[in-house]
Amino acid sequence: MLSDTETIKYLRLAKNGDNNSKEILIKNNVLLVKSIANRFRNKGVDYDDLFQLGSMGLLKAIYNFDESFCVKFSTYAVPMIIGEIKRFLRDDGEIKISRIIKYNAYKISQFSEEYQLKNGSEPTVHEISKNLSISLEDVVLALDSTKLTVSLYETTVDSEEKTQSLIDKIPSEDTEDSRIDSIYVKQLLSRLNEREKQVVTLRYFKDKTQGEVSKILGVSQVQVSRLESKIIKKLKTIAEKK
C-alpha cells in the first residue's frame, strides 16, 4: 500500500501524463474498485462490466483529485467509483444497447478525458478511431449511443399550464395543421443563429448525414453531433416557453 505522501507524488505525475504513475495508482486501488463492484452484483450487469465502470471512476478520481480537498485519495475516489456505476445502471434502461457498443463508448470516454487533459481540446472522430483501432462508423455509433432518449409520451407544461405530450406535437396530414406547423417551425428557426440554422437545414431538410455536414462545415463529426444536441435542447426550451 502506498503512503499518503507517495500517493500525492504519483497523482501529480499521473496528471502530467506519466502513465507509469497512473498504473501504480490503479494497481494500488484495484481492491477498492473490486470491493465496490461487488456491491452491485445483483443488478443484472456482469461483474466484468461493473469492474470496468469502477475503473473508469477511479481514473476520473486520479485526474480530478485536488490536494486542496484535504481528504485522502481513497476517500475521494469511493463516490467517484460508485457514481460511475450508478450512472450506468440509471441510464441503461429503456433502449438496450449491445455490449460491444457500450464497451467502445467506455473506451472512447476514457481516451477523450485523457486526451483533453493532455491537449486542452477534444479529440476528433479520426483521432479516436486511430488511437483505439475502432472504425469511424463504430466510433460515431458509440458516441450516439450515449445520448439521452426522449419518450414520445413525455409531457411538457406550456405558459398556460396546459400539459401536452410530444406525440401530440407530431404534424397530422391535415393541410391546415401542416400550414400552422410550418409557420411554427419558421418561428422556432428564427431564434437560431446562422450556424445553427445551417446545421438544421442540412440535417433535417436536406437529409445530410452528420459526416456530410462535418465536411461542409469543416468541423469534426463529433462537433456536429454535439452542436445538433445543443440545438435540439435549445429548440425544446424555446417551444416550452411559447
Protein backbone atom coordinates (compact mmCIF):
# COMPACT_ATOMS: atom_id res chain seq x y z
CA MET A 1 0.00 0.00 0.00
CA LEU A 2 1.20 3.49 -0.81
CA SER A 3 1.57 6.08 1.91
CA ASP A 4 -0.35 9.35 1.63
CA THR A 5 2.84 11.14 0.60
CA GLU A 6 3.60 8.56 -2.10
CA THR A 7 0.02 8.72 -3.37
CA ILE A 8 0.20 12.51 -3.77
CA LYS A 9 3.53 12.17 -5.60
CA TYR A 10 2.13 9.67 -8.09
CA LEU A 11 -1.07 11.71 -8.53
CA ARG A 12 0.98 14.75 -9.53
CA LEU A 13 3.00 12.69 -12.01
CA ALA A 14 -0.10 10.98 -13.46
CA LYS A 15 -1.77 14.35 -14.08
CA ASN A 16 1.31 15.38 -16.04
CA GLY A 17 0.97 12.41 -18.36
CA ASP A 18 3.14 9.82 -16.57
CA ASN A 19 1.45 6.53 -17.49
CA ASN A 20 3.65 4.51 -15.14
CA SER A 21 2.45 6.55 -12.15
CA LYS A 22 -1.15 6.10 -13.32
CA GLU A 23 -0.69 2.32 -13.46
CA ILE A 24 0.83 2.31 -9.96
CA LEU A 25 -2.20 4.19 -8.60
CA ILE A 26 -4.62 1.85 -10.39
CA LYS A 27 -2.89 -1.28 -9.03
CA ASN A 28 -2.79 0.20 -5.55
CA ASN A 29 -6.56 0.82 -5.62
CA VAL A 30 -7.74 -2.23 -7.57
CA LEU A 31 -9.08 -3.92 -4.41
CA LEU A 32 -11.15 -0.81 -3.69
CA VAL A 33 -12.70 -0.99 -7.18
CA LYS A 34 -13.40 -4.73 -6.80
CA SER A 35 -15.00 -4.21 -3.40
CA ILE A 36 -17.37 -1.54 -4.75
CA ALA A 37 -18.17 -3.54 -7.91
CA ASN A 38 -19.17 -6.49 -5.72
CA ARG A 39 -21.89 -4.38 -4.09
CA PHE A 40 -23.75 -4.17 -7.43
CA ARG A 41 -23.53 -7.86 -8.46
CA ASN A 42 -27.31 -8.34 -8.14
CA LYS A 43 -28.22 -5.51 -10.55
CA GLY A 44 -28.27 -7.65 -13.71
CA VAL A 45 -24.90 -6.44 -15.01
CA ASP A 46 -21.85 -8.71 -15.50
CA TYR A 47 -19.13 -8.30 -12.88
CA ASP A 48 -16.51 -7.60 -15.58
CA ASP A 49 -18.62 -4.67 -16.81
CA LEU A 50 -19.04 -3.39 -13.26
CA PHE A 51 -15.29 -3.58 -12.71
CA GLN A 52 -14.66 -1.74 -15.99
CA LEU A 53 -17.08 1.01 -14.91
CA GLY A 54 -15.46 1.23 -11.50
CA SER A 55 -12.03 1.52 -13.12
CA MET A 56 -13.30 4.44 -15.19
CA GLY A 57 -14.48 6.11 -11.99
CA LEU A 58 -11.04 5.55 -10.47
CA LEU A 59 -9.37 7.17 -13.48
CA LYS A 60 -11.66 10.18 -13.15
CA ALA A 61 -10.70 10.42 -9.48
CA ILE A 62 -6.99 10.32 -10.40
CA TYR A 63 -7.30 13.15 -12.90
CA ASN A 64 -9.73 15.29 -10.86
CA PHE A 65 -8.26 14.94 -7.36
CA ASP A 66 -7.12 18.21 -5.83
CA GLU A 67 -4.78 18.32 -2.83
CA SER A 68 -6.72 21.31 -1.50
CA PHE A 69 -9.65 18.94 -0.79
CA CYS A 70 -7.77 17.93 2.41
CA VAL A 71 -9.01 14.33 2.20
CA LYS A 72 -7.33 11.02 1.46
CA PHE A 73 -7.37 9.99 -2.19
CA SER A 74 -9.28 6.78 -1.39
CA THR A 75 -11.96 8.80 0.41
CA TYR A 76 -12.36 10.98 -2.67
CA ALA A 77 -12.28 8.03 -5.09
CA VAL A 78 -15.08 5.99 -3.49
CA PRO A 79 -18.01 8.26 -4.52
CA MET A 80 -16.44 8.71 -7.98
CA ILE A 81 -16.32 4.93 -8.49
CA ILE A 82 -19.84 4.39 -7.13
CA GLY A 83 -21.15 7.30 -9.20
CA GLU A 84 -19.81 5.86 -12.45
CA ILE A 85 -21.52 2.52 -11.81
CA LYS A 86 -24.80 4.10 -10.69
CA ARG A 87 -24.83 6.39 -13.71
CA PHE A 88 -24.63 3.37 -16.00
CA LEU A 89 -27.36 1.50 -14.11
CA ARG A 90 -29.59 4.59 -14.26
CA ASP A 91 -29.15 5.19 -17.98
CA ASP A 92 -29.18 1.54 -19.07
CA GLY A 93 -32.94 1.29 -19.23
CA GLU A 94 -35.45 1.87 -21.97
CA ILE A 95 -33.29 1.20 -25.04
CA LYS A 96 -30.92 -1.76 -24.85
CA ILE A 97 -27.51 -1.32 -26.45
CA SER A 98 -25.16 -4.15 -27.38
CA ARG A 99 -22.23 -4.80 -25.08
CA ILE A 100 -19.63 -4.05 -27.76
CA ILE A 101 -21.14 -0.60 -28.37
CA LYS A 102 -21.17 0.10 -24.63
CA TYR A 103 -17.58 -1.10 -24.34
CA ASN A 104 -16.50 1.15 -27.21
CA ALA A 105 -18.30 4.07 -25.56
CA TYR A 106 -16.39 3.42 -22.31
CA LYS A 107 -13.04 3.31 -24.11
CA ILE A 108 -13.84 6.48 -26.06
CA SER A 109 -14.91 8.31 -22.89
CA GLN A 110 -11.71 7.28 -21.12
CA PHE A 111 -9.50 8.22 -24.08
CA SER A 112 -11.29 11.55 -24.60
CA GLU A 113 -10.81 12.61 -20.97
CA GLU A 114 -7.09 11.73 -21.06
CA TYR A 115 -6.67 13.44 -24.44
CA GLN A 116 -8.40 16.62 -23.25
CA LEU A 117 -6.26 16.79 -20.12
CA LYS A 118 -3.07 16.50 -22.19
CA ASN A 119 -4.05 18.63 -25.18
CA GLY A 120 -6.68 21.04 -23.87
CA SER A 121 -9.10 20.11 -26.65
CA GLU A 122 -11.43 17.28 -27.59
CA PRO A 123 -10.21 14.56 -29.99
CA THR A 124 -11.73 14.28 -33.45
CA VAL A 125 -13.52 11.15 -34.63
CA HIS A 126 -10.47 10.29 -36.76
CA GLU A 127 -8.11 10.64 -33.77
CA ILE A 128 -10.34 8.40 -31.65
CA SER A 129 -10.55 5.84 -34.45
CA LYS A 130 -6.78 5.81 -34.98
CA ASN A 131 -5.78 5.61 -31.30
CA LEU A 132 -8.35 2.99 -30.27
CA SER A 133 -8.32 0.98 -33.55
CA ILE A 134 -12.10 1.35 -33.90
CA SER A 135 -13.70 2.05 -37.28
CA LEU A 136 -15.11 5.54 -37.87
CA GLU A 137 -18.63 4.11 -38.15
CA ASP A 138 -18.33 2.32 -34.80
CA VAL A 139 -16.93 5.46 -33.14
CA VAL A 140 -19.94 7.52 -34.27
CA LEU A 141 -22.33 4.71 -33.28
CA ALA A 142 -20.79 4.51 -29.80
CA LEU A 143 -20.96 8.30 -29.35
CA ASP A 144 -24.60 8.40 -30.45
CA SER A 145 -25.45 5.58 -28.03
CA THR A 146 -24.58 7.85 -25.08
CA LYS A 147 -27.23 10.42 -25.96
CA LEU A 148 -30.31 10.57 -23.77
CA THR A 149 -33.54 9.30 -25.32
CA VAL A 150 -36.84 11.13 -25.09
CA SER A 151 -40.19 9.36 -24.92
CA LEU A 152 -42.92 10.43 -27.33
CA TYR A 153 -45.23 10.41 -24.33
CA GLU A 154 -43.07 12.78 -22.28
CA THR A 155 -45.25 15.70 -21.21
CA THR A 156 -44.43 19.40 -21.03
CA VAL A 157 -46.28 22.31 -19.45
CA ASP A 158 -46.86 25.45 -21.53
CA SER A 159 -47.26 29.07 -20.36
CA GLU A 160 -50.98 28.47 -19.75
CA GLU A 161 -50.14 25.48 -17.52
CA LYS A 162 -51.59 23.03 -20.02
CA THR A 163 -49.87 19.67 -20.32
CA GLN A 164 -49.09 18.21 -23.73
CA SER A 165 -47.11 15.13 -24.79
CA LEU A 166 -44.53 15.21 -27.57
CA ILE A 167 -46.59 12.79 -29.66
CA ASP A 168 -49.39 15.39 -29.76
CA LYS A 169 -46.98 17.78 -31.47
CA ILE A 170 -46.34 15.48 -34.43
CA PRO A 171 -47.92 17.10 -37.52
CA SER A 172 -51.06 15.49 -38.89
CA GLU A 173 -51.83 15.06 -42.59
CA ASP A 174 -54.43 17.83 -42.39
CA THR A 175 -53.47 20.69 -44.74
CA GLU A 176 -54.40 23.46 -42.30
CA ASP A 177 -52.44 21.82 -39.50
CA SER A 178 -49.45 21.48 -41.83
CA ARG A 179 -49.54 25.19 -42.65
CA ILE A 180 -49.74 26.11 -38.98
CA ASP A 181 -46.88 23.77 -38.12
CA SER A 182 -44.81 25.23 -40.97
CA ILE A 183 -45.28 28.72 -39.56
CA TYR A 184 -44.45 27.46 -36.07
CA VAL A 185 -41.23 25.80 -37.29
CA LYS A 186 -40.17 29.00 -39.06
CA GLN A 187 -40.73 30.94 -35.86
CA LEU A 188 -38.57 28.50 -33.92
CA LEU A 189 -35.79 28.54 -36.51
CA SER A 190 -35.75 32.34 -36.47
CA ARG A 191 -34.44 32.12 -32.90
CA LEU A 192 -31.31 30.24 -34.04
CA ASN A 193 -28.06 31.81 -35.22
CA GLU A 194 -26.87 31.31 -38.80
CA ARG A 195 -24.63 28.34 -38.00
CA GLU A 196 -27.40 26.58 -36.09
CA LYS A 197 -29.86 27.20 -38.94
CA GLN A 198 -27.35 25.74 -41.40
CA VAL A 199 -26.99 22.55 -39.34
CA VAL A 200 -30.78 22.13 -39.04
CA THR A 201 -31.28 22.77 -42.76
CA LEU A 202 -28.60 20.29 -43.82
CA ARG A 203 -29.65 17.58 -41.36
CA TYR A 204 -33.44 17.78 -41.39
CA PHE A 205 -34.40 19.45 -44.66
CA LYS A 206 -31.68 18.13 -46.97
CA ASP A 207 -31.24 14.74 -45.22
CA LYS A 208 -27.48 15.06 -44.91
CA THR A 209 -25.62 12.68 -42.57
CA GLN A 210 -23.51 14.06 -39.73
CA GLY A 211 -20.42 13.05 -41.71
CA GLU A 212 -21.57 15.01 -44.74
CA VAL A 213 -22.42 18.05 -42.60
CA SER A 214 -18.98 17.92 -40.93
CA LYS A 215 -17.29 18.10 -44.35
CA ILE A 216 -19.49 21.01 -45.47
CA LEU A 217 -18.84 23.00 -42.28
CA GLY A 218 -15.19 21.99 -41.99
CA VAL A 219 -15.50 20.62 -38.45
CA SER A 220 -15.31 17.17 -36.85
CA GLN A 221 -18.25 14.79 -36.83
CA VAL A 222 -18.19 14.85 -33.02
CA GLN A 223 -18.63 18.64 -33.08
CA VAL A 224 -21.60 18.30 -35.44
CA SER A 225 -23.18 15.69 -33.16
CA ARG A 226 -22.75 17.87 -30.07
CA LEU A 227 -23.94 21.01 -31.86
CA GLU A 228 -27.03 19.15 -33.04
CA SER A 229 -27.80 18.04 -29.48
CA LYS A 230 -27.45 21.64 -28.22
CA ILE A 231 -29.76 22.90 -30.97
CA ILE A 232 -32.44 20.34 -30.10
CA LYS A 233 -32.26 21.31 -26.42
CA LYS A 234 -32.44 24.99 -27.36
CA LEU A 235 -35.48 24.48 -29.59
CA LYS A 236 -37.19 22.40 -26.91
CA THR A 237 -36.60 25.16 -24.34
CA ILE A 238 -37.98 27.80 -26.73
CA ALA A 239 -41.03 25.65 -27.54
CA GLU A 240 -41.82 25.11 -23.85
CA LYS A 241 -41.78 28.87 -23.23
CA LYS A 242 -44.26 29.61 -26.04
